[in-house]
Amino acid sequence: MDQNDELHISYEETLKRKHDFRIRYILSSEFTNRGVATVCQGIRPMFCYQKVPCDNQYHIWPEFETPSGEIIKKSNVAIRTRGTARMWIIDEDEKIEHLKRLKAGTKCYLFLGKQLLAECKVEIC
């Protein structure tokens, strides 16, 4: 397979379950270059409920979607600067607590280290 054809293996396939919720996101300007995203499918940012300070970060990972709601299949193609993502709560022991807290309209944030990747809003729980 050509490096340009690197495919993303869906979390549904690897985790053997459905996603936990969906978000609508807007990438931080730090991760765009002239309106084009500089991050791709498969990135694993940390999830936070507050922007500053983000002391509690959780392993809740996005799987970015196309405008029609399909998973972006190529892992080397930049995601859109605004869009939707399916979210996966990775730590099963924390799942019940997160699902109690997450409601449609809940604001949340994605971080790469201490850098804000995206501001988000829960769309569907």
C-alpha atoms as a PDB file:
ATOM      1  CA  MET A   1       0.000   0.000   0.000  1.00  0.00           C
ATOM      2  CA  ASP A   2       1.267   3.449  -0.945  1.00  0.00           C
ATOM      3  CA  GLN A   3       1.995   5.723   2.041  1.00  0.00           C
ATOM      4  CA  ASN A   4      -0.536   8.176   0.582  1.00  0.00           C
ATOM      5  CA  ASP A   5      -3.254   5.529   0.919  1.00  0.00           C
ATOM      6  CA  GLU A   6      -2.833   4.839   4.633  1.00  0.00           C
ATOM      7  CA  LEU A   7      -6.262   3.852   5.946  1.00  0.00           C
ATOM      8  CA  HIS A   8      -7.711   4.579   9.353  1.00  0.00           C
ATOM      9  CA  ILE A   9      -9.067   1.489  11.109  1.00  0.00           C
ATOM     10  CA  SER A  10     -12.313   2.536  12.757  1.00  0.00           C
ATOM     11  CA  TYR A  11     -12.610   2.427  16.530  1.00  0.00           C
ATOM     12  CA  GLU A  12     -15.870   0.547  16.066  1.00  0.00           C
ATOM     13  CA  GLU A  13     -13.844  -2.227  14.467  1.00  0.00           C
ATOM     14  CA  THR A  14     -11.007  -2.191  17.015  1.00  0.00           C
ATOM     15  CA  LEU A  15     -13.119  -1.631  20.155  1.00  0.00           C
ATOM     16  CA  LYS A  16     -15.992  -3.861  18.961  1.00  0.00           C
ATOM     17  CA  ARG A  17     -18.738  -1.426  19.997  1.00  0.00           C
ATOM     18  CA  LYS A  18     -20.516   1.761  18.957  1.00  0.00           C
ATOM     19  CA  HIS A  19     -19.286   5.272  19.749  1.00  0.00           C
ATOM     20  CA  ASP A  20     -20.438   6.918  22.996  1.00  0.00           C
ATOM     21  CA  PHE A  21     -21.491  10.374  21.768  1.00  0.00           C
ATOM     22  CA  ARG A  22     -20.928  12.962  19.028  1.00  0.00           C
ATOM     23  CA  ILE A  23     -19.501  16.453  19.088  1.00  0.00           C
ATOM     24  CA  ARG A  24     -19.396  19.475  16.817  1.00  0.00           C
ATOM     25  CA  TYR A  25     -15.901  21.010  16.894  1.00  0.00           C
ATOM     26  CA  ILE A  26     -13.996  24.102  15.786  1.00  0.00           C
ATOM     27  CA  LEU A  27     -10.219  23.723  15.555  1.00  0.00           C
ATOM     28  CA  SER A  28      -7.999  26.216  17.329  1.00  0.00           C
ATOM     29  CA  SER A  29      -6.123  28.560  14.989  1.00  0.00           C
ATOM     30  CA  GLU A  30      -2.876  26.974  16.239  1.00  0.00           C
ATOM     31  CA  PHE A  31      -3.821  23.846  14.283  1.00  0.00           C
ATOM     32  CA  THR A  32      -4.767  25.497  11.016  1.00  0.00           C
ATOM     33  CA  ASN A  33      -2.666  27.012   8.268  1.00  0.00           C
ATOM     34  CA  ARG A  34      -4.509  29.525   6.068  1.00  0.00           C
ATOM     35  CA  GLY A  35      -7.820  27.880   6.858  1.00  0.00           C
ATOM     36  CA  VAL A  36      -6.576  24.310   6.343  1.00  0.00           C
ATOM     37  CA  ALA A  37      -6.279  21.894   9.256  1.00  0.00           C
ATOM     38  CA  THR A  38      -2.826  20.577  10.118  1.00  0.00           C
ATOM     39  CA  VAL A  39      -4.099  17.468  11.948  1.00  0.00           C
ATOM     40  CA  CYS A  40      -5.441  14.194  10.561  1.00  0.00           C
ATOM     41  CA  GLN A  41      -7.733  11.307  11.462  1.00  0.00           C
ATOM     42  CA  GLY A  42      -6.357   9.055  14.206  1.00  0.00           C
ATOM     43  CA  ILE A  43      -5.009  11.840  16.416  1.00  0.00           C
ATOM     44  CA  ARG A  44      -5.614  11.068  20.101  1.00  0.00           C
ATOM     45  CA  PRO A  45      -6.089  14.309  22.008  1.00  0.00           C
ATOM     46  CA  MET A  46      -7.181  14.464  25.632  1.00  0.00           C
ATOM     47  CA  PHE A  47     -10.736  15.504  26.503  1.00  0.00           C
ATOM     48  CA  CYS A  48     -11.590  18.207  29.058  1.00  0.00           C
ATOM     49  CA  TYR A  49     -14.778  19.713  30.427  1.00  0.00           C
ATOM     50  CA  GLN A  50     -13.168  23.097  31.033  1.00  0.00           C
ATOM     51  CA  LYS A  51     -10.828  25.200  28.957  1.00  0.00           C
ATOM     52  CA  VAL A  52      -8.528  26.807  31.530  1.00  0.00           C
ATOM     53  CA  PRO A  53      -7.113  25.290  33.610  1.00  0.00           C
ATOM     54  CA  CYS A  54      -7.622  21.808  32.255  1.00  0.00           C
ATOM     55  CA  ASP A  55      -6.410  19.800  35.230  1.00  0.00           C
ATOM     56  CA  ASN A  56      -8.544  16.717  34.555  1.00  0.00           C
ATOM     57  CA  GLN A  57      -7.894  15.263  31.118  1.00  0.00           C
ATOM     58  CA  TYR A  58      -9.647  12.112  29.967  1.00  0.00           C
ATOM     59  CA  HIS A  59      -9.001   9.450  27.341  1.00  0.00           C
ATOM     60  CA  ILE A  60     -12.015  10.245  25.178  1.00  0.00           C
ATOM     61  CA  TRP A  61     -10.929  10.192  21.559  1.00  0.00           C
ATOM     62  CA  PRO A  62     -12.506  11.679  18.445  1.00  0.00           C
ATOM     63  CA  GLU A  63     -13.099   9.936  15.169  1.00  0.00           C
ATOM     64  CA  PHE A  64     -13.673  12.713  12.651  1.00  0.00           C
ATOM     65  CA  GLU A  65     -16.485  12.587  10.111  1.00  0.00           C
ATOM     66  CA  THR A  66     -17.047  13.784   6.559  1.00  0.00           C
ATOM     67  CA  PRO A  67     -19.775  16.399   5.913  1.00  0.00           C
ATOM     68  CA  SER A  68     -22.178  13.498   5.233  1.00  0.00           C
ATOM     69  CA  GLY A  69     -21.454  11.888   8.637  1.00  0.00           C
ATOM     70  CA  GLU A  70     -19.215   9.068   7.449  1.00  0.00           C
ATOM     71  CA  ILE A  71     -15.894   8.312   9.146  1.00  0.00           C
ATOM     72  CA  ILE A  72     -12.875   9.827   7.375  1.00  0.00           C
ATOM     73  CA  LYS A  73     -11.128   6.701   6.140  1.00  0.00           C
ATOM     74  CA  LYS A  74      -7.682   8.044   5.187  1.00  0.00           C
ATOM     75  CA  SER A  75      -5.430   8.781   8.141  1.00  0.00           C
ATOM     76  CA  ASN A  76      -3.130  11.095   6.186  1.00  0.00           C
ATOM     77  CA  VAL A  77      -5.807  13.557   5.006  1.00  0.00           C
ATOM     78  CA  ALA A  78      -6.310  16.742   7.023  1.00  0.00           C
ATOM     79  CA  ILE A  79      -9.638  16.983   8.823  1.00  0.00           C
ATOM     80  CA  ARG A  80     -11.959  19.951   8.320  1.00  0.00           C
ATOM     81  CA  THR A  81     -11.411  23.013  10.521  1.00  0.00           C
ATOM     82  CA  ARG A  82     -15.069  22.725  11.639  1.00  0.00           C
ATOM     83  CA  GLY A  83     -17.105  19.579  11.696  1.00  0.00           C
ATOM     84  CA  THR A  84     -18.367  16.626  13.681  1.00  0.00           C
ATOM     85  CA  ALA A  85     -16.718  13.663  15.325  1.00  0.00           C
ATOM     86  CA  ARG A  86     -17.821  10.454  16.974  1.00  0.00           C
ATOM     87  CA  MET A  87     -16.400  10.257  20.482  1.00  0.00           C
ATOM     88  CA  TRP A  88     -15.084   7.172  22.231  1.00  0.00           C
ATOM     89  CA  ILE A  89     -14.746   6.892  26.012  1.00  0.00           C
ATOM     90  CA  ILE A  90     -11.687   4.658  26.221  1.00  0.00           C
ATOM     91  CA  ASP A  91     -11.656   3.950  29.979  1.00  0.00           C
ATOM     92  CA  GLU A  92     -14.668   1.674  30.516  1.00  0.00           C
ATOM     93  CA  ASP A  93     -14.486   2.282  34.300  1.00  0.00           C
ATOM     94  CA  GLU A  94     -15.250   5.994  33.740  1.00  0.00           C
ATOM     95  CA  LYS A  95     -17.953   5.539  31.105  1.00  0.00           C
ATOM     96  CA  ILE A  96     -21.027   5.705  33.384  1.00  0.00           C
ATOM     97  CA  GLU A  97     -19.834   8.902  35.091  1.00  0.00           C
ATOM     98  CA  HIS A  98     -19.077  10.600  31.770  1.00  0.00           C
ATOM     99  CA  LEU A  99     -22.401   9.615  30.239  1.00  0.00           C
ATOM    100  CA  LYS A 100     -24.209  11.073  33.274  1.00  0.00           C
ATOM    101  CA  ARG A 101     -22.333  14.356  32.813  1.00  0.00           C
ATOM    102  CA  LEU A 102     -22.566  14.620  29.025  1.00  0.00           C
ATOM    103  CA  LYS A 103     -25.750  16.125  27.616  1.00  0.00           C
ATOM    104  CA  ALA A 104     -26.574  17.733  24.272  1.00  0.00           C
ATOM    105  CA  GLY A 105     -25.091  21.226  24.407  1.00  0.00           C
ATOM    106  CA  THR A 106     -22.343  20.429  26.955  1.00  0.00           C
ATOM    107  CA  LYS A 107     -19.209  22.432  26.117  1.00  0.00           C
ATOM    108  CA  CYS A 108     -15.961  20.492  26.049  1.00  0.00           C
ATOM    109  CA  TYR A 109     -12.408  20.819  24.762  1.00  0.00           C
ATOM    110  CA  LEU A 110      -9.726  18.710  23.100  1.00  0.00           C
ATOM    111  CA  PHE A 111      -6.072  19.230  24.017  1.00  0.00           C
ATOM    112  CA  LEU A 112      -2.750  18.053  22.643  1.00  0.00           C
ATOM    113  CA  GLY A 113      -0.553  18.369  25.695  1.00  0.00           C
ATOM    114  CA  LYS A 114      -1.262  21.870  27.005  1.00  0.00           C
ATOM    115  CA  GLN A 115      -2.295  23.215  23.596  1.00  0.00           C
ATOM    116  CA  LEU A 116      -5.988  23.648  22.848  1.00  0.00           C
ATOM    117  CA  LEU A 117      -6.801  21.614  19.728  1.00  0.00           C
ATOM    118  CA  ALA A 118     -10.540  22.319  19.499  1.00  0.00           C
ATOM    119  CA  GLU A 119     -13.538  23.823  21.229  1.00  0.00           C
ATOM    120  CA  CYS A 120     -16.484  21.463  21.086  1.00  0.00           C
ATOM    121  CA  LYS A 121     -20.119  21.044  21.935  1.00  0.00           C
ATOM    122  CA  VAL A 122     -21.822  17.708  22.550  1.00  0.00           C
ATOM    123  CA  GLU A 123     -24.370  17.144  19.828  1.00  0.00           C
ATOM    124  CA  ILE A 124     -25.837  13.708  20.532  1.00  0.00           C
ATOM    125  CA  CYS A 125     -25.464  11.489  23.597  1.00  0.00           C
END
